[in-house]
Each structure stands twice: as structure tokens, then as C-alpha cells.
Amino acid sequence: MKVFKYVLAVLFFLTSLEALISASFLSSLFALILGLCFLPPISEKLKNRFDLWGKKGIRYIIYIVLFILVGAFSKESKSIRKVEAKNNQEVVTKNNNSIKDSLNAILKGYNLTVCNICSAVSKIEVKVIKDADIKFPNYGKHHNEYSERLRIKETNSYIKDKGISEDLLNSATVFAYECSETERKDRVEELKYKKRIKLAKKEKIEDCFGNACNLIQMEVKRSMHNSKSFVYVDCRYLGAENNSFTISYSFKGQNPLGAIVLEKVKAKISIEGCKVLTIEQE
């Protein structure tokens, strides 16, 4: 039993040390006291000094209370550190945004933004690497030296063309990751928007298709030599472009010579309103 108590004491001493390193002082103190209470020599001295400590039930209650206090103050310390970390991050973000806004205010006079510069620098880097790949396909030292020389040359050319200083460019490129993330999110939102528009257009076309085929049939019958000879063959969707879609319509009917012939027309239908815009022979 004594060995077990020594093991528990060591564990709580280590817990105390870990809490002290984590700046959880109260948790560290209670863990230290708990560890001391488990040490057999200390426990024996407490029994001799305090009669209540000799009662097992009292000791266990004290152990449990101390253990709860260790856990409670440890959680509180972690919560405080999380709040502090969050506040620090917010301060950093606010400062970064302030710097970025100041740079954008300066760059406005050059018809530029921080993200414009980051995008241009990124394109330069991609271009010089591709050029170096062509010139030195085996990569190595010459590839790196050539791409670096070319990058400096292209960057200096960009600086001269835009009339900005190298320091201004370097200050802007600090926000390269942030700009790339913003650009990526914008692309994702744009794709989602296009997908929604495409889906909405598809639903409208599906709702309109049956009615459009009937409208074409009415137009075709009106133009036939003998509308009573009309025989439906096929109505097929060909595709959509901008705000209209195209249908291929096939039918049979009597021509002026009395023969039954197969004919095809192509009709353009408006997606909004589902109206026949044009009908022409295929």
C-alpha cells in the first residue's frame, strides 16, 4: 500500500510541475499539497499531530476535495489562456487590417491594391519557374540561379512600370497568403453562384420544355399545306445559350404534291416566359 501511495504522490508532484509550467498556480499548489498528503512520512506526521487525519473517511474526503480543486483551477486556467490567445489574435488581426488599409490608401494613387500586387508577384514567380523549366529541364543549380535572376528582372520591370518603390512592394507582399485566401474564397463563392444560376435555369427549361413542344406543334400546323395530315415524330432538346434554349422538332405531313414527307424544324425558346422566338427549317 505504501508503494502505491508513493506512486500517487509522484504523479501529483508531476501534475503540480505541469500546472506550474502552464501558469496555473492554484492548480499547481493544490496538486503539490495532494502529493504531500499521499507521502507516507508526511501522512504519519499528520496523524500524530491531528486526530482527525487518523480517520480514513476524513482523509478520503480531503483527498477528493483537493483533487476537485486541482481539476477546477486547471480548467479555469485553460479557459483564461484560450480567451487571452483569442484576444491576442484579434489584436494582431486588427493591426494587420489597419496596416493593409494604410497600404491600400497609398496604393490607390497608383491605381493598385495590396492584393493586385500580390497577384502580380505570384504570376511573375509562376512564369519565371516555367521559363526556367524549359531552359533547364534537369533543374539543379543553374535552374535556380536562372529563375532567381529572371524573377528579379521581372519584378524590377513591374516596379518601374507601376511607379512604386521596392519597399512598398515588399510591404504589400506580406499579405500574400491573406490575399490568396480571399481570392480562393471569392472563386468558391462565384462557382457556387454560377451553379445556383445553372440549376435554376435547368429547372426553368424542364418546366418549359413540354409546353414549348406544344407551341411549336401549333406553329407548324399553321404553316402546313394540310394540317390534318400532321403526324408527330419527335421533340428533342439541343442545348441552351444565354437566355434561350433550342429544340429540334420532327413531324410528318402532306406536301403540295400530296406525298407524306418527314420534316424537321429548329426552334429557339426563351427561358423566361417560355415563348417561341424563332422557328426555321433544319
C-alpha atoms as a PDB file:
ATOM      1  CA  MET A   1       0.000   0.000   0.000  1.00  0.00           C
ATOM      2  CA  LYS A   2       2.891   2.351   0.804  1.00  0.00           C
ATOM      3  CA  VAL A   3       4.370   1.818  -2.701  1.00  0.00           C
ATOM      4  CA  PHE A   4       1.017   2.761  -4.225  1.00  0.00           C
ATOM      5  CA  LYS A   5       0.910   5.963  -2.136  1.00  0.00           C
ATOM      6  CA  TYR A   6       4.438   6.866  -3.224  1.00  0.00           C
ATOM      7  CA  VAL A   7       3.408   6.379  -6.866  1.00  0.00           C
ATOM      8  CA  LEU A   8       0.348   8.613  -6.361  1.00  0.00           C
ATOM      9  CA  ALA A   9       2.499  11.249  -4.648  1.00  0.00           C
ATOM     10  CA  VAL A  10       4.972  11.299  -7.566  1.00  0.00           C
ATOM     11  CA  LEU A  11       2.115  11.568 -10.080  1.00  0.00           C
ATOM     12  CA  PHE A  12       0.653  14.576  -8.267  1.00  0.00           C
ATOM     13  CA  PHE A  13       4.106  16.200  -7.989  1.00  0.00           C
ATOM     14  CA  LEU A  14       4.442  15.864 -11.767  1.00  0.00           C
ATOM     15  CA  THR A  15       0.920  17.276 -12.161  1.00  0.00           C
ATOM     16  CA  SER A  16       1.930  20.194  -9.963  1.00  0.00           C
ATOM     17  CA  LEU A  17       5.015  20.828 -12.084  1.00  0.00           C
ATOM     18  CA  GLU A  18       2.982  20.704 -15.330  1.00  0.00           C
ATOM     19  CA  ALA A  19       0.407  23.130 -13.893  1.00  0.00           C
ATOM     20  CA  LEU A  20       3.198  25.463 -12.748  1.00  0.00           C
ATOM     21  CA  ILE A  21       4.699  25.465 -16.259  1.00  0.00           C
ATOM     22  CA  SER A  22       1.223  26.212 -17.655  1.00  0.00           C
ATOM     23  CA  ALA A  23       0.971  29.188 -15.240  1.00  0.00           C
ATOM     24  CA  SER A  24      -1.901  27.561 -13.320  1.00  0.00           C
ATOM     25  CA  PHE A  25      -0.532  28.434  -9.862  1.00  0.00           C
ATOM     26  CA  LEU A  26      -3.517  27.434  -7.706  1.00  0.00           C
ATOM     27  CA  SER A  27      -3.874  24.128  -9.522  1.00  0.00           C
ATOM     28  CA  SER A  28      -0.133  23.560  -9.032  1.00  0.00           C
ATOM     29  CA  LEU A  29      -0.398  24.379  -5.289  1.00  0.00           C
ATOM     30  CA  PHE A  30      -3.320  22.007  -4.657  1.00  0.00           C
ATOM     31  CA  ALA A  31      -1.614  19.227  -6.633  1.00  0.00           C
ATOM     32  CA  LEU A  32       1.526  19.720  -4.555  1.00  0.00           C
ATOM     33  CA  ILE A  33      -0.459  19.577  -1.288  1.00  0.00           C
ATOM     34  CA  LEU A  34      -2.252  16.439  -2.503  1.00  0.00           C
ATOM     35  CA  GLY A  35       1.048  14.815  -3.408  1.00  0.00           C
ATOM     36  CA  LEU A  36       2.476  15.652   0.056  1.00  0.00           C
ATOM     37  CA  CYS A  37      -0.611  14.220   1.731  1.00  0.00           C
ATOM     38  CA  PHE A  38      -0.074  10.909  -0.059  1.00  0.00           C
ATOM     39  CA  LEU A  39       3.574  10.626   1.029  1.00  0.00           C
ATOM     40  CA  PRO A  40       3.635   8.066   3.900  1.00  0.00           C
ATOM     41  CA  PRO A  41       6.135  10.032   6.085  1.00  0.00           C
ATOM     42  CA  ILE A  42       4.064  13.220   5.800  1.00  0.00           C
ATOM     43  CA  SER A  43       0.814  11.314   6.327  1.00  0.00           C
ATOM     44  CA  GLU A  44       2.201   9.717   9.526  1.00  0.00           C
ATOM     45  CA  LYS A  45       3.258  13.085  10.939  1.00  0.00           C
ATOM     46  CA  LEU A  46      -0.211  14.496  10.184  1.00  0.00           C
ATOM     47  CA  LYS A  47      -1.799  11.544  12.025  1.00  0.00           C
ATOM     48  CA  ASN A  48       0.355  12.205  15.103  1.00  0.00           C
ATOM     49  CA  ARG A  49      -0.396  15.936  15.031  1.00  0.00           C
ATOM     50  CA  PHE A  50      -4.090  15.900  14.100  1.00  0.00           C
ATOM     51  CA  ASP A  51      -6.502  13.281  15.403  1.00  0.00           C
ATOM     52  CA  LEU A  52      -8.939  13.858  12.541  1.00  0.00           C
ATOM     53  CA  TRP A  53      -6.279  12.854   9.979  1.00  0.00           C
ATOM     54  CA  GLY A  54      -6.195   9.411  11.608  1.00  0.00           C
ATOM     55  CA  LYS A  55      -9.758   8.798  10.446  1.00  0.00           C
ATOM     56  CA  LYS A  56      -9.775   7.217   6.991  1.00  0.00           C
ATOM     57  CA  GLY A  57     -13.092   8.792   5.956  1.00  0.00           C
ATOM     58  CA  ILE A  58     -11.825  12.321   6.724  1.00  0.00           C
ATOM     59  CA  ARG A  59      -8.603  11.704   4.784  1.00  0.00           C
ATOM     60  CA  TYR A  60     -10.514  10.455   1.718  1.00  0.00           C
ATOM     61  CA  ILE A  61     -12.815  13.480   1.797  1.00  0.00           C
ATOM     62  CA  ILE A  62      -9.767  15.806   1.893  1.00  0.00           C
ATOM     63  CA  TYR A  63      -8.162  13.849  -0.973  1.00  0.00           C
ATOM     64  CA  ILE A  64     -11.343  14.192  -3.065  1.00  0.00           C
ATOM     65  CA  VAL A  65     -11.735  17.928  -2.293  1.00  0.00           C
ATOM     66  CA  LEU A  66      -8.098  18.622  -3.193  1.00  0.00           C
ATOM     67  CA  PHE A  67      -8.425  16.559  -6.397  1.00  0.00           C
ATOM     68  CA  ILE A  68     -11.550  18.511  -7.416  1.00  0.00           C
ATOM     69  CA  LEU A  69      -9.758  21.804  -6.746  1.00  0.00           C
ATOM     70  CA  VAL A  70      -6.796  20.711  -8.911  1.00  0.00           C
ATOM     71  CA  GLY A  71      -9.125  19.931 -11.795  1.00  0.00           C
ATOM     72  CA  ALA A  72     -11.285  23.039 -11.340  1.00  0.00           C
ATOM     73  CA  PHE A  73      -8.413  25.539 -11.296  1.00  0.00           C
ATOM     74  CA  SER A  74      -6.687  23.714 -14.150  1.00  0.00           C
ATOM     75  CA  LYS A  75      -9.803  24.107 -16.354  1.00  0.00           C
ATOM     76  CA  GLU A  76     -10.177  27.754 -15.315  1.00  0.00           C
ATOM     77  CA  SER A  77      -6.553  28.431 -16.222  1.00  0.00           C
ATOM     78  CA  LYS A  78      -7.009  26.780 -19.635  1.00  0.00           C
ATOM     79  CA  SER A  79     -10.145  28.847 -20.273  1.00  0.00           C
ATOM     80  CA  ILE A  80      -8.287  32.049 -19.353  1.00  0.00           C
ATOM     81  CA  ARG A  81      -5.410  31.137 -21.691  1.00  0.00           C
ATOM     82  CA  LYS A  82      -7.849  30.439 -24.518  1.00  0.00           C
ATOM     83  CA  VAL A  83      -9.524  33.823 -24.009  1.00  0.00           C
ATOM     84  CA  GLU A  84      -6.121  35.550 -23.891  1.00  0.00           C
ATOM     85  CA  ALA A  85      -4.993  33.746 -27.053  1.00  0.00           C
ATOM     86  CA  LYS A  86      -8.226  34.744 -28.804  1.00  0.00           C
ATOM     87  CA  ASN A  87      -7.852  38.363 -27.703  1.00  0.00           C
ATOM     88  CA  ASN A  88      -4.216  38.431 -28.854  1.00  0.00           C
ATOM     89  CA  GLN A  89      -5.246  37.010 -32.239  1.00  0.00           C
ATOM     90  CA  GLU A  90      -7.955  39.654 -32.563  1.00  0.00           C
ATOM     91  CA  VAL A  91      -5.426  42.395 -31.775  1.00  0.00           C
ATOM     92  CA  VAL A  92      -2.992  41.011 -34.378  1.00  0.00           C
ATOM     93  CA  THR A  93      -5.777  40.754 -36.971  1.00  0.00           C
ATOM     94  CA  LYS A  94      -6.929  44.312 -36.199  1.00  0.00           C
ATOM     95  CA  ASN A  95      -3.357  45.640 -36.520  1.00  0.00           C
ATOM     96  CA  ASN A  96      -2.827  43.746 -39.787  1.00  0.00           C
ATOM     97  CA  ASN A  97      -6.072  45.107 -41.195  1.00  0.00           C
ATOM     98  CA  SER A  98      -5.045  48.621 -40.173  1.00  0.00           C
ATOM     99  CA  ILE A  99      -1.661  48.251 -41.927  1.00  0.00           C
ATOM    100  CA  LYS A 100      -3.329  46.766 -45.006  1.00  0.00           C
ATOM    101  CA  ASP A 101      -5.846  49.639 -45.141  1.00  0.00           C
ATOM    102  CA  SER A 102      -2.993  52.168 -44.902  1.00  0.00           C
ATOM    103  CA  LEU A 103      -1.121  50.465 -47.753  1.00  0.00           C
ATOM    104  CA  ASN A 104      -4.265  50.370 -49.894  1.00  0.00           C
ATOM    105  CA  ALA A 105      -4.765  54.089 -49.258  1.00  0.00           C
ATOM    106  CA  ILE A 106      -1.225  54.766 -50.538  1.00  0.00           C
ATOM    107  CA  LEU A 107      -1.580  52.383 -53.483  1.00  0.00           C
ATOM    108  CA  LYS A 108      -4.851  53.998 -54.539  1.00  0.00           C
ATOM    109  CA  GLY A 109      -2.757  56.794 -56.052  1.00  0.00           C
ATOM    110  CA  TYR A 110      -1.139  54.167 -58.317  1.00  0.00           C
ATOM    111  CA  ASN A 111      -4.469  52.521 -59.206  1.00  0.00           C
ATOM    112  CA  LEU A 112      -3.354  49.436 -57.274  1.00  0.00           C
ATOM    113  CA  THR A 113      -4.305  47.435 -54.197  1.00  0.00           C
ATOM    114  CA  VAL A 114      -2.296  45.160 -51.914  1.00  0.00           C
ATOM    115  CA  CYS A 115      -3.934  42.089 -53.457  1.00  0.00           C
ATOM    116  CA  ASN A 116      -3.269  43.395 -57.008  1.00  0.00           C
ATOM    117  CA  ILE A 117       0.463  43.445 -56.217  1.00  0.00           C
ATOM    118  CA  CYS A 118       0.381  40.019 -54.535  1.00  0.00           C
ATOM    119  CA  SER A 119      -1.383  38.535 -57.548  1.00  0.00           C
ATOM    120  CA  ALA A 120       1.131  40.140 -59.975  1.00  0.00           C
ATOM    121  CA  VAL A 121       4.122  38.889 -57.950  1.00  0.00           C
ATOM    122  CA  SER A 122       2.612  35.394 -57.812  1.00  0.00           C
ATOM    123  CA  LYS A 123       2.152  35.367 -61.606  1.00  0.00           C
ATOM    124  CA  ILE A 124       5.764  36.534 -62.078  1.00  0.00           C
ATOM    125  CA  GLU A 125       7.026  33.693 -59.884  1.00  0.00           C
ATOM    126  CA  VAL A 126       4.999  31.096 -61.786  1.00  0.00           C
ATOM    127  CA  LYS A 127       6.154  32.491 -65.159  1.00  0.00           C
ATOM    128  CA  VAL A 128       9.883  32.530 -64.311  1.00  0.00           C
ATOM    129  CA  ILE A 129       9.737  28.960 -62.983  1.00  0.00           C
ATOM    130  CA  LYS A 130       8.073  27.783 -66.211  1.00  0.00           C
ATOM    131  CA  ASP A 131      10.708  29.612 -68.285  1.00  0.00           C
ATOM    132  CA  ALA A 132      13.493  28.067 -66.188  1.00  0.00           C
ATOM    133  CA  ASP A 133      11.916  24.614 -66.600  1.00  0.00           C
ATOM    134  CA  ILE A 134      12.111  24.992 -70.385  1.00  0.00           C
ATOM    135  CA  LYS A 135      15.699  26.257 -70.368  1.00  0.00           C
ATOM    136  CA  PHE A 136      16.973  23.839 -67.699  1.00  0.00           C
ATOM    137  CA  PRO A 137      14.667  20.786 -67.724  1.00  0.00           C
ATOM    138  CA  ASN A 138      17.044  18.886 -65.410  1.00  0.00           C
ATOM    139  CA  TYR A 139      16.623  21.558 -62.710  1.00  0.00           C
ATOM    140  CA  GLY A 140      19.607  21.854 -60.350  1.00  0.00           C
ATOM    141  CA  LYS A 141      21.783  24.888 -59.531  1.00  0.00           C
ATOM    142  CA  HIS A 142      21.593  26.567 -62.967  1.00  0.00           C
ATOM    143  CA  HIS A 143      17.787  26.288 -62.946  1.00  0.00           C
ATOM    144  CA  ASN A 144      17.550  28.019 -59.554  1.00  0.00           C
ATOM    145  CA  GLU A 145      20.041  30.760 -60.448  1.00  0.00           C
ATOM    146  CA  TYR A 146      18.326  31.470 -63.775  1.00  0.00           C
ATOM    147  CA  SER A 147      14.812  31.586 -62.258  1.00  0.00           C
ATOM    148  CA  GLU A 148      16.054  33.927 -59.484  1.00  0.00           C
ATOM    149  CA  ARG A 149      17.720  36.320 -61.971  1.00  0.00           C
ATOM    150  CA  LEU A 150      14.612  36.295 -64.110  1.00  0.00           C
ATOM    151  CA  ARG A 151      12.382  36.880 -61.075  1.00  0.00           C
ATOM    152  CA  ILE A 152      14.431  39.936 -60.018  1.00  0.00           C
ATOM    153  CA  LYS A 153      14.374  41.272 -63.579  1.00  0.00           C
ATOM    154  CA  GLU A 154      10.608  40.801 -63.994  1.00  0.00           C
ATOM    155  CA  THR A 155       9.890  42.236 -60.536  1.00  0.00           C
ATOM    156  CA  ASN A 156      12.017  45.328 -61.196  1.00  0.00           C
ATOM    157  CA  SER A 157      10.256  45.757 -64.521  1.00  0.00           C
ATOM    158  CA  TYR A 158       6.872  45.569 -62.744  1.00  0.00           C
ATOM    159  CA  ILE A 159       8.018  48.112 -60.120  1.00  0.00           C
ATOM    160  CA  LYS A 160       9.191  50.501 -62.825  1.00  0.00           C
ATOM    161  CA  ASP A 161       6.025  50.055 -64.882  1.00  0.00           C
ATOM    162  CA  LYS A 162       3.740  50.774 -61.907  1.00  0.00           C
ATOM    163  CA  GLY A 163       5.927  53.552 -60.497  1.00  0.00           C
ATOM    164  CA  ILE A 164       6.080  52.084 -56.994  1.00  0.00           C
ATOM    165  CA  SER A 165       9.083  51.530 -54.708  1.00  0.00           C
ATOM    166  CA  GLU A 166      10.571  48.161 -53.812  1.00  0.00           C
ATOM    167  CA  ASP A 167       9.768  48.800 -50.134  1.00  0.00           C
ATOM    168  CA  LEU A 168       6.110  49.356 -50.997  1.00  0.00           C
ATOM    169  CA  LEU A 169       6.034  46.131 -52.997  1.00  0.00           C
ATOM    170  CA  ASN A 170       7.684  44.186 -50.171  1.00  0.00           C
ATOM    171  CA  SER A 171       5.229  45.623 -47.650  1.00  0.00           C
ATOM    172  CA  ALA A 172       2.289  44.565 -49.826  1.00  0.00           C
ATOM    173  CA  THR A 173       3.563  41.007 -50.392  1.00  0.00           C
ATOM    174  CA  VAL A 174       3.454  40.389 -46.616  1.00  0.00           C
ATOM    175  CA  PHE A 175      -0.291  39.911 -47.184  1.00  0.00           C
ATOM    176  CA  ALA A 176       0.195  37.357 -49.997  1.00  0.00           C
ATOM    177  CA  TYR A 177      -1.375  34.456 -48.083  1.00  0.00           C
ATOM    178  CA  GLU A 178      -4.327  36.534 -46.915  1.00  0.00           C
ATOM    179  CA  CYS A 179      -4.943  37.768 -50.466  1.00  0.00           C
ATOM    180  CA  SER A 180      -4.686  34.260 -51.928  1.00  0.00           C
ATOM    181  CA  GLU A 181      -7.209  33.028 -49.343  1.00  0.00           C
ATOM    182  CA  THR A 182      -9.566  35.893 -50.169  1.00  0.00           C
ATOM    183  CA  GLU A 183      -9.197  35.153 -53.881  1.00  0.00           C
ATOM    184  CA  ARG A 184      -9.829  31.446 -53.288  1.00  0.00           C
ATOM    185  CA  LYS A 185     -12.975  32.173 -51.247  1.00  0.00           C
ATOM    186  CA  ASP A 186     -14.202  34.598 -53.929  1.00  0.00           C
ATOM    187  CA  ARG A 187     -13.707  31.905 -56.590  1.00  0.00           C
ATOM    188  CA  VAL A 188     -15.604  29.373 -54.484  1.00  0.00           C
ATOM    189  CA  GLU A 189     -18.482  31.824 -53.995  1.00  0.00           C
ATOM    190  CA  GLU A 190     -18.503  32.630 -57.712  1.00  0.00           C
ATOM    191  CA  LEU A 191     -18.650  28.922 -58.590  1.00  0.00           C
ATOM    192  CA  LYS A 192     -21.477  28.398 -56.100  1.00  0.00           C
ATOM    193  CA  TYR A 193     -23.364  31.346 -57.619  1.00  0.00           C
ATOM    194  CA  LYS A 194     -22.891  30.029 -61.167  1.00  0.00           C
ATOM    195  CA  LYS A 195     -24.021  26.592 -60.030  1.00  0.00           C
ATOM    196  CA  ARG A 196     -27.175  28.078 -58.485  1.00  0.00           C
ATOM    197  CA  ILE A 197     -27.896  30.032 -61.674  1.00  0.00           C
ATOM    198  CA  LYS A 198     -27.295  26.939 -63.807  1.00  0.00           C
ATOM    199  CA  LEU A 199     -29.577  24.847 -61.607  1.00  0.00           C
ATOM    200  CA  ALA A 200     -32.313  27.487 -61.689  1.00  0.00           C
ATOM    201  CA  LYS A 201     -32.002  27.702 -65.495  1.00  0.00           C
ATOM    202  CA  LYS A 202     -32.194  23.908 -65.795  1.00  0.00           C
ATOM    203  CA  GLU A 203     -35.375  23.804 -63.693  1.00  0.00           C
ATOM    204  CA  LYS A 204     -36.992  26.525 -65.821  1.00  0.00           C
ATOM    205  CA  ILE A 205     -36.090  24.695 -69.047  1.00  0.00           C
ATOM    206  CA  GLU A 206     -37.519  21.431 -67.684  1.00  0.00           C
ATOM    207  CA  ASP A 207     -40.744  23.192 -66.698  1.00  0.00           C
ATOM    208  CA  CYS A 208     -40.979  24.901 -70.098  1.00  0.00           C
ATOM    209  CA  PHE A 209     -39.962  22.029 -72.411  1.00  0.00           C
ATOM    210  CA  GLY A 210     -43.332  20.231 -72.686  1.00  0.00           C
ATOM    211  CA  ASN A 211     -45.237  23.448 -73.281  1.00  0.00           C
ATOM    212  CA  ALA A 212     -42.621  24.602 -75.839  1.00  0.00           C
ATOM    213  CA  CYS A 213     -43.110  21.405 -77.880  1.00  0.00           C
ATOM    214  CA  ASN A 214     -46.875  22.065 -77.948  1.00  0.00           C
ATOM    215  CA  LEU A 215     -46.318  25.689 -79.048  1.00  0.00           C
ATOM    216  CA  ILE A 216     -44.043  24.521 -81.901  1.00  0.00           C
ATOM    217  CA  GLN A 217     -46.669  21.992 -82.973  1.00  0.00           C
ATOM    218  CA  MET A 218     -49.280  24.749 -83.189  1.00  0.00           C
ATOM    219  CA  GLU A 219     -46.929  26.944 -85.260  1.00  0.00           C
ATOM    220  CA  VAL A 220     -46.026  24.031 -87.553  1.00  0.00           C
ATOM    221  CA  LYS A 221     -49.661  23.095 -88.172  1.00  0.00           C
ATOM    222  CA  ARG A 222     -50.489  26.678 -89.083  1.00  0.00           C
ATOM    223  CA  SER A 223     -47.794  26.649 -91.784  1.00  0.00           C
ATOM    224  CA  MET A 224     -48.614  23.189 -93.249  1.00  0.00           C
ATOM    225  CA  HIS A 225     -50.239  22.592 -96.635  1.00  0.00           C
ATOM    226  CA  ASN A 226     -52.662  20.150 -94.986  1.00  0.00           C
ATOM    227  CA  SER A 227     -52.711  20.411 -91.196  1.00  0.00           C
ATOM    228  CA  LYS A 228     -54.941  17.326 -90.907  1.00  0.00           C
ATOM    229  CA  SER A 229     -52.085  15.193 -92.256  1.00  0.00           C
ATOM    230  CA  PHE A 230     -49.819  16.178 -89.344  1.00  0.00           C
ATOM    231  CA  VAL A 231     -48.111  13.288 -87.503  1.00  0.00           C
ATOM    232  CA  TYR A 232     -45.854  13.965 -84.531  1.00  0.00           C
ATOM    233  CA  VAL A 233     -42.422  12.248 -84.655  1.00  0.00           C
ATOM    234  CA  ASP A 234     -40.022  13.765 -82.147  1.00  0.00           C
ATOM    235  CA  CYS A 235     -39.238  16.814 -79.958  1.00  0.00           C
ATOM    236  CA  ARG A 236     -35.625  16.970 -78.692  1.00  0.00           C
ATOM    237  CA  TYR A 237     -33.693  19.404 -76.525  1.00  0.00           C
ATOM    238  CA  LEU A 238     -30.482  20.575 -78.241  1.00  0.00           C
ATOM    239  CA  GLY A 239     -28.939  22.960 -75.711  1.00  0.00           C
ATOM    240  CA  ALA A 240     -29.109  26.341 -74.014  1.00  0.00           C
ATOM    241  CA  GLU A 241     -27.304  29.605 -74.634  1.00  0.00           C
ATOM    242  CA  ASN A 242     -27.696  32.816 -72.630  1.00  0.00           C
ATOM    243  CA  ASN A 243     -31.432  33.283 -72.011  1.00  0.00           C
ATOM    244  CA  SER A 244     -32.809  30.799 -74.549  1.00  0.00           C
ATOM    245  CA  PHE A 245     -32.685  27.110 -75.446  1.00  0.00           C
ATOM    246  CA  THR A 246     -33.067  25.255 -78.742  1.00  0.00           C
ATOM    247  CA  ILE A 247     -35.413  22.415 -79.686  1.00  0.00           C
ATOM    248  CA  SER A 248     -35.337  20.130 -82.725  1.00  0.00           C
ATOM    249  CA  TYR A 249     -38.884  19.213 -83.759  1.00  0.00           C
ATOM    250  CA  SER A 250     -39.674  16.403 -86.265  1.00  0.00           C
ATOM    251  CA  PHE A 251     -43.025  15.653 -87.879  1.00  0.00           C
ATOM    252  CA  LYS A 252     -44.626  14.145 -90.951  1.00  0.00           C
ATOM    253  CA  GLY A 253     -47.155  15.794 -93.225  1.00  0.00           C
ATOM    254  CA  GLN A 254     -48.527  16.078 -96.755  1.00  0.00           C
ATOM    255  CA  ASN A 255     -46.631  18.325 -99.156  1.00  0.00           C
ATOM    256  CA  PRO A 256     -48.256  20.268-102.063  1.00  0.00           C
ATOM    257  CA  LEU A 257     -47.782  17.192-104.302  1.00  0.00           C
ATOM    258  CA  GLY A 258     -49.777  15.004-101.931  1.00  0.00           C
ATOM    259  CA  ALA A 259     -46.805  12.957-100.693  1.00  0.00           C
ATOM    260  CA  ILE A 260     -46.221  12.329 -96.973  1.00  0.00           C
ATOM    261  CA  VAL A 261     -42.761  13.591 -96.087  1.00  0.00           C
ATOM    262  CA  LEU A 262     -40.613  13.879 -92.926  1.00  0.00           C
ATOM    263  CA  GLU A 263     -39.735  17.429 -91.949  1.00  0.00           C
ATOM    264  CA  LYS A 264     -37.620  18.988 -89.222  1.00  0.00           C
ATOM    265  CA  VAL A 265     -37.599  22.461 -87.734  1.00  0.00           C
ATOM    266  CA  LYS A 266     -35.351  24.098 -85.178  1.00  0.00           C
ATOM    267  CA  ALA A 267     -36.954  26.439 -82.660  1.00  0.00           C
ATOM    268  CA  LYS A 268     -35.419  28.895 -80.220  1.00  0.00           C
ATOM    269  CA  ILE A 269     -37.373  29.262 -76.965  1.00  0.00           C
ATOM    270  CA  SER A 270     -36.996  31.990 -74.334  1.00  0.00           C
ATOM    271  CA  ILE A 271     -36.243  30.584 -70.882  1.00  0.00           C
ATOM    272  CA  GLU A 272     -38.069  33.457 -69.175  1.00  0.00           C
ATOM    273  CA  GLY A 273     -41.702  33.359 -70.254  1.00  0.00           C
ATOM    274  CA  CYS A 274     -41.322  30.146 -72.347  1.00  0.00           C
ATOM    275  CA  LYS A 275     -42.104  31.825 -75.690  1.00  0.00           C
ATOM    276  CA  VAL A 276     -41.181  30.711 -79.219  1.00  0.00           C
ATOM    277  CA  LEU A 277     -38.638  33.234 -80.516  1.00  0.00           C
ATOM    278  CA  THR A 278     -37.789  31.723 -83.940  1.00  0.00           C
ATOM    279  CA  ILE A 279     -38.616  28.648 -85.997  1.00  0.00           C
ATOM    280  CA  GLU A 280     -36.570  27.623 -89.039  1.00  0.00           C
ATOM    281  CA  GLN A 281     -36.186  24.589 -91.260  1.00  0.00           C
ATOM    282  CA  GLU A 282     -33.275  22.276 -90.426  1.00  0.00           C
END
